[in-house]
Amino acid sequence: MAKKSVPAAGTSLPNKVFGVRMDPELAKKMKILAVKKDTQVYKLLEEAIVDFLKKHKEL
């Protein structure tokens, strides 16, 4: 079995692209919040997913 390569210390793997379909009004609210918080929508979504996984004891 081939051994998976591990990134060197201080480096990270590139982000995985993950497409979702969402209600247009919800997407609009996410975009507005991202602008207000001076961040990007994907970072807000990552934060929400981490919180969800912690809630369900999967992280």
PDB file of N, CA and C in Angstrom:
ATOM      1  N   MET A   1       0.847  -1.181   0.000  1.00  0.00           N
ATOM      2  CA  MET A   1       0.000   0.000   0.000  1.00  0.00           C
ATOM      3  C   MET A   1       0.890   1.241   0.000  1.00  0.00           C
ATOM      4  N   ALA A   2       0.554   2.207  -0.822  1.00  0.00           N
ATOM      5  CA  ALA A   2       1.341   3.433  -0.935  1.00  0.00           C
ATOM      6  C   ALA A   2       1.126   4.306   0.297  1.00  0.00           C
ATOM      7  N   LYS A   3       2.198   4.922   0.749  1.00  0.00           N
ATOM      8  CA  LYS A   3       2.137   5.809   1.902  1.00  0.00           C
ATOM      9  C   LYS A   3       1.706   7.203   1.448  1.00  0.00           C
ATOM     10  N   LYS A   4       0.759   7.794   2.174  1.00  0.00           N
ATOM     11  CA  LYS A   4       0.330   9.154   1.845  1.00  0.00           C
ATOM     12  C   LYS A   4       1.398  10.141   2.266  1.00  0.00           C
ATOM     13  N   SER A   5       1.622  11.144   1.434  1.00  0.00           N
ATOM     14  CA  SER A   5       2.610  12.158   1.789  1.00  0.00           C
ATOM     15  C   SER A   5       2.007  13.124   2.799  1.00  0.00           C
ATOM     16  N   VAL A   6       2.824  13.564   3.708  1.00  0.00           N
ATOM     17  CA  VAL A   6       2.408  14.493   4.758  1.00  0.00           C
ATOM     18  C   VAL A   6       3.104  15.814   4.492  1.00  0.00           C
ATOM     19  N   PRO A   7       2.368  16.941   4.570  1.00  0.00           N
ATOM     20  CA  PRO A   7       3.012  18.229   4.328  1.00  0.00           C
ATOM     21  C   PRO A   7       4.077  18.514   5.378  1.00  0.00           C
ATOM     22  N   ALA A   8       5.103  19.251   4.977  1.00  0.00           N
ATOM     23  CA  ALA A   8       6.172  19.640   5.897  1.00  0.00           C
ATOM     24  C   ALA A   8       5.608  20.550   6.981  1.00  0.00           C
ATOM     25  N   ALA A   9       6.296  20.614   8.104  1.00  0.00           N
ATOM     26  CA  ALA A   9       5.865  21.474   9.204  1.00  0.00           C
ATOM     27  C   ALA A   9       5.712  22.912   8.714  1.00  0.00           C
ATOM     28  N   GLY A  10       4.636  23.558   9.139  1.00  0.00           N
ATOM     29  CA  GLY A  10       4.410  24.943   8.760  1.00  0.00           C
ATOM     30  C   GLY A  10       3.705  25.110   7.425  1.00  0.00           C
ATOM     31  N   THR A  11       3.400  24.003   6.747  1.00  0.00           N
ATOM     32  CA  THR A  11       2.669  24.089   5.478  1.00  0.00           C
ATOM     33  C   THR A  11       1.319  23.407   5.655  1.00  0.00           C
ATOM     34  N   SER A  12       0.421  23.665   4.756  1.00  0.00           N
ATOM     35  CA  SER A  12      -0.892  23.031   4.834  1.00  0.00           C
ATOM     36  C   SER A  12      -1.319  22.573   3.455  1.00  0.00           C
ATOM     37  N   LEU A  13      -2.267  21.671   3.450  1.00  0.00           N
ATOM     38  CA  LEU A  13      -2.809  21.186   2.185  1.00  0.00           C
ATOM     39  C   LEU A  13      -3.689  22.256   1.571  1.00  0.00           C
ATOM     40  N   PRO A  14      -3.832  22.272   0.254  1.00  0.00           N
ATOM     41  CA  PRO A  14      -4.745  23.242  -0.374  1.00  0.00           C
ATOM     42  C   PRO A  14      -6.188  22.916  -0.001  1.00  0.00           C
ATOM     43  N   ASN A  15      -7.030  23.928  -0.013  1.00  0.00           N
ATOM     44  CA  ASN A  15      -8.445  23.725   0.299  1.00  0.00           C
ATOM     45  C   ASN A  15      -9.110  22.849  -0.739  1.00  0.00           C
ATOM     46  N   LYS A  16     -10.094  22.095  -0.334  1.00  0.00           N
ATOM     47  CA  LYS A  16     -10.885  21.238  -1.198  1.00  0.00           C
ATOM     48  C   LYS A  16     -12.091  22.031  -1.694  1.00  0.00           C
ATOM     49  N   VAL A  17     -12.364  21.968  -2.976  1.00  0.00           N
ATOM     50  CA  VAL A  17     -13.538  22.632  -3.547  1.00  0.00           C
ATOM     51  C   VAL A  17     -14.760  21.777  -3.212  1.00  0.00           C
ATOM     52  N   PHE A  18     -15.804  22.435  -2.702  1.00  0.00           N
ATOM     53  CA  PHE A  18     -17.006  21.734  -2.267  1.00  0.00           C
ATOM     54  C   PHE A  18     -18.208  22.568  -2.686  1.00  0.00           C
ATOM     55  N   GLY A  19     -18.901  22.155  -3.723  1.00  0.00           N
ATOM     56  CA  GLY A  19     -20.036  22.925  -4.243  1.00  0.00           C
ATOM     57  C   GLY A  19     -21.324  22.580  -3.518  1.00  0.00           C
ATOM     58  N   VAL A  20     -22.124  23.572  -3.259  1.00  0.00           N
ATOM     59  CA  VAL A  20     -23.422  23.363  -2.614  1.00  0.00           C
ATOM     60  C   VAL A  20     -24.478  24.204  -3.323  1.00  0.00           C
ATOM     61  N   ARG A  21     -25.696  23.764  -3.220  1.00  0.00           N
ATOM     62  CA  ARG A  21     -26.831  24.567  -3.683  1.00  0.00           C
ATOM     63  C   ARG A  21     -27.489  25.158  -2.446  1.00  0.00           C
ATOM     64  N   MET A  22     -27.824  26.438  -2.525  1.00  0.00           N
ATOM     65  CA  MET A  22     -28.445  27.068  -1.366  1.00  0.00           C
ATOM     66  C   MET A  22     -29.480  28.079  -1.824  1.00  0.00           C
ATOM     67  N   ASP A  23     -30.412  28.319  -0.963  1.00  0.00           N
ATOM     68  CA  ASP A  23     -31.472  29.285  -1.221  1.00  0.00           C
ATOM     69  C   ASP A  23     -30.834  30.631  -1.585  1.00  0.00           C
ATOM     70  N   PRO A  24     -31.283  31.264  -2.667  1.00  0.00           N
ATOM     71  CA  PRO A  24     -30.678  32.536  -3.097  1.00  0.00           C
ATOM     72  C   PRO A  24     -30.699  33.617  -2.019  1.00  0.00           C
ATOM     73  N   GLU A  25     -31.756  33.663  -1.240  1.00  0.00           N
ATOM     74  CA  GLU A  25     -31.844  34.684  -0.181  1.00  0.00           C
ATOM     75  C   GLU A  25     -30.817  34.402   0.920  1.00  0.00           C
ATOM     76  N   LEU A  26     -30.609  33.130   1.232  1.00  0.00           N
ATOM     77  CA  LEU A  26     -29.598  32.760   2.221  1.00  0.00           C
ATOM     78  C   LEU A  26     -28.198  33.105   1.706  1.00  0.00           C
ATOM     79  N   ALA A  27     -27.942  32.831   0.435  1.00  0.00           N
ATOM     80  CA  ALA A  27     -26.646  33.162  -0.166  1.00  0.00           C
ATOM     81  C   ALA A  27     -26.408  34.676  -0.119  1.00  0.00           C
ATOM     82  N   LYS A  28     -27.449  35.434  -0.391  1.00  0.00           N
ATOM     83  CA  LYS A  28     -27.336  36.891  -0.353  1.00  0.00           C
ATOM     84  C   LYS A  28     -26.993  37.368   1.052  1.00  0.00           C
ATOM     85  N   LYS A  29     -27.638  36.793   2.062  1.00  0.00           N
ATOM     86  CA  LYS A  29     -27.358  37.166   3.455  1.00  0.00           C
ATOM     87  C   LYS A  29     -25.926  36.807   3.837  1.00  0.00           C
ATOM     88  N   MET A  30     -25.439  35.677   3.347  1.00  0.00           N
ATOM     89  CA  MET A  30     -24.061  35.278   3.622  1.00  0.00           C
ATOM     90  C   MET A  30     -23.085  36.275   3.002  1.00  0.00           C
ATOM     91  N   LYS A  31     -23.367  36.714   1.784  1.00  0.00           N
ATOM     92  CA  LYS A  31     -22.500  37.687   1.109  1.00  0.00           C
ATOM     93  C   LYS A  31     -22.482  39.015   1.863  1.00  0.00           C
ATOM     94  N   ILE A  32     -23.638  39.448   2.320  1.00  0.00           N
ATOM     95  CA  ILE A  32     -23.730  40.708   3.075  1.00  0.00           C
ATOM     96  C   ILE A  32     -22.950  40.596   4.374  1.00  0.00           C
ATOM     97  N   LEU A  33     -23.114  39.477   5.081  1.00  0.00           N
ATOM     98  CA  LEU A  33     -22.388  39.279   6.330  1.00  0.00           C
ATOM     99  C   LEU A  33     -20.877  39.241   6.093  1.00  0.00           C
ATOM    100  N   ALA A  34     -20.460  38.601   5.020  1.00  0.00           N
ATOM    101  CA  ALA A  34     -19.032  38.546   4.699  1.00  0.00           C
ATOM    102  C   ALA A  34     -18.469  39.947   4.478  1.00  0.00           C
ATOM    103  N   VAL A  35     -19.207  40.797   3.793  1.00  0.00           N
ATOM    104  CA  VAL A  35     -18.758  42.174   3.574  1.00  0.00           C
ATOM    105  C   VAL A  35     -18.684  42.921   4.905  1.00  0.00           C
ATOM    106  N   LYS A  36     -19.717  42.765   5.737  1.00  0.00           N
ATOM    107  CA  LYS A  36     -19.737  43.441   7.040  1.00  0.00           C
ATOM    108  C   LYS A  36     -18.578  43.004   7.921  1.00  0.00           C
ATOM    109  N   LYS A  37     -18.197  41.740   7.840  1.00  0.00           N
ATOM    110  CA  LYS A  37     -17.123  41.205   8.668  1.00  0.00           C
ATOM    111  C   LYS A  37     -15.764  41.267   7.971  1.00  0.00           C
ATOM    112  N   ASP A  38     -15.743  41.840   6.758  1.00  0.00           N
ATOM    113  CA  ASP A  38     -14.512  41.964   5.972  1.00  0.00           C
ATOM    114  C   ASP A  38     -13.808  40.612   5.831  1.00  0.00           C
ATOM    115  N   THR A  39     -14.583  39.630   5.384  1.00  0.00           N
ATOM    116  CA  THR A  39     -14.058  38.291   5.170  1.00  0.00           C
ATOM    117  C   THR A  39     -14.665  37.714   3.903  1.00  0.00           C
ATOM    118  N   GLN A  40     -14.479  36.434   3.697  1.00  0.00           N
ATOM    119  CA  GLN A  40     -15.029  35.781   2.512  1.00  0.00           C
ATOM    120  C   GLN A  40     -16.088  34.769   2.936  1.00  0.00           C
ATOM    121  N   VAL A  41     -17.047  34.537   2.057  1.00  0.00           N
ATOM    122  CA  VAL A  41     -18.161  33.633   2.362  1.00  0.00           C
ATOM    123  C   VAL A  41     -17.646  32.252   2.740  1.00  0.00           C
ATOM    124  N   TYR A  42     -16.637  31.741   2.034  1.00  0.00           N
ATOM    125  CA  TYR A  42     -16.178  30.393   2.334  1.00  0.00           C
ATOM    126  C   TYR A  42     -15.631  30.291   3.762  1.00  0.00           C
ATOM    127  N   LYS A  43     -15.065  31.373   4.288  1.00  0.00           N
ATOM    128  CA  LYS A  43     -14.566  31.346   5.666  1.00  0.00           C
ATOM    129  C   LYS A  43     -15.722  31.295   6.658  1.00  0.00           C
ATOM    130  N   LEU A  44     -16.800  32.006   6.359  1.00  0.00           N
ATOM    131  CA  LEU A  44     -17.987  31.936   7.216  1.00  0.00           C
ATOM    132  C   LEU A  44     -18.583  30.529   7.183  1.00  0.00           C
ATOM    133  N   LEU A  45     -18.619  29.935   5.999  1.00  0.00           N
ATOM    134  CA  LEU A  45     -19.151  28.584   5.870  1.00  0.00           C
ATOM    135  C   LEU A  45     -18.272  27.569   6.595  1.00  0.00           C
ATOM    136  N   GLU A  46     -16.956  27.716   6.497  1.00  0.00           N
ATOM    137  CA  GLU A  46     -16.048  26.825   7.232  1.00  0.00           C
ATOM    138  C   GLU A  46     -16.294  26.922   8.730  1.00  0.00           C
ATOM    139  N   GLU A  47     -16.448  28.140   9.231  1.00  0.00           N
ATOM    140  CA  GLU A  47     -16.709  28.347  10.655  1.00  0.00           C
ATOM    141  C   GLU A  47     -18.019  27.666  11.069  1.00  0.00           C
ATOM    142  N   ALA A  48     -19.048  27.824  10.249  1.00  0.00           N
ATOM    143  CA  ALA A  48     -20.347  27.210  10.544  1.00  0.00           C
ATOM    144  C   ALA A  48     -20.253  25.685  10.526  1.00  0.00           C
ATOM    145  N   ILE A  49     -19.506  25.136   9.590  1.00  0.00           N
ATOM    146  CA  ILE A  49     -19.360  23.676   9.497  1.00  0.00           C
ATOM    147  C   ILE A  49     -18.581  23.140  10.697  1.00  0.00           C
ATOM    148  N   VAL A  50     -17.523  23.840  11.101  1.00  0.00           N
ATOM    149  CA  VAL A  50     -16.759  23.422  12.281  1.00  0.00           C
ATOM    150  C   VAL A  50     -17.675  23.411  13.504  1.00  0.00           C
ATOM    151  N   ASP A  51     -18.456  24.465  13.691  1.00  0.00           N
ATOM    152  CA  ASP A  51     -19.398  24.530  14.821  1.00  0.00           C
ATOM    153  C   ASP A  51     -20.392  23.373  14.764  1.00  0.00           C
ATOM    154  N   PHE A  52     -20.903  23.060  13.577  1.00  0.00           N
ATOM    155  CA  PHE A  52     -21.867  21.981  13.397  1.00  0.00           C
ATOM    156  C   PHE A  52     -21.236  20.630  13.761  1.00  0.00           C
ATOM    157  N   LEU A  53     -20.009  20.401  13.294  1.00  0.00           N
ATOM    158  CA  LEU A  53     -19.326  19.137  13.591  1.00  0.00           C
ATOM    159  C   LEU A  53     -19.027  18.997  15.088  1.00  0.00           C
ATOM    160  N   LYS A  54     -18.656  20.098  15.729  1.00  0.00           N
ATOM    161  CA  LYS A  54     -18.426  20.063  17.184  1.00  0.00           C
ATOM    162  C   LYS A  54     -19.727  19.744  17.916  1.00  0.00           C
ATOM    163  N   LYS A  55     -20.812  20.347  17.481  1.00  0.00           N
ATOM    164  CA  LYS A  55     -22.126  20.113  18.093  1.00  0.00           C
ATOM    165  C   LYS A  55     -22.491  18.636  18.027  1.00  0.00           C
ATOM    166  N   HIS A  56     -22.151  17.995  16.945  1.00  0.00           N
ATOM    167  CA  HIS A  56     -22.487  16.589  16.745  1.00  0.00           C
ATOM    168  C   HIS A  56     -21.319  15.666  17.108  1.00  0.00           C
ATOM    169  N   LYS A  57     -20.333  16.233  17.809  1.00  0.00           N
ATOM    170  CA  LYS A  57     -19.178  15.480  18.317  1.00  0.00           C
ATOM    171  C   LYS A  57     -18.452  14.702  17.227  1.00  0.00           C
ATOM    172  N   GLU A  58     -18.314  15.331  16.064  1.00  0.00           N
ATOM    173  CA  GLU A  58     -17.607  14.733  14.933  1.00  0.00           C
ATOM    174  C   GLU A  58     -16.252  15.396  14.707  1.00  0.00           C
ATOM    175  N   LEU A  59     -15.933  16.379  15.542  1.00  0.00           N
ATOM    176  CA  LEU A  59     -14.656  17.084  15.376  1.00  0.00           C
ATOM    177  C   LEU A  59     -13.958  17.148  16.704  1.00  0.00           C
TER     178      LEU A  59
END
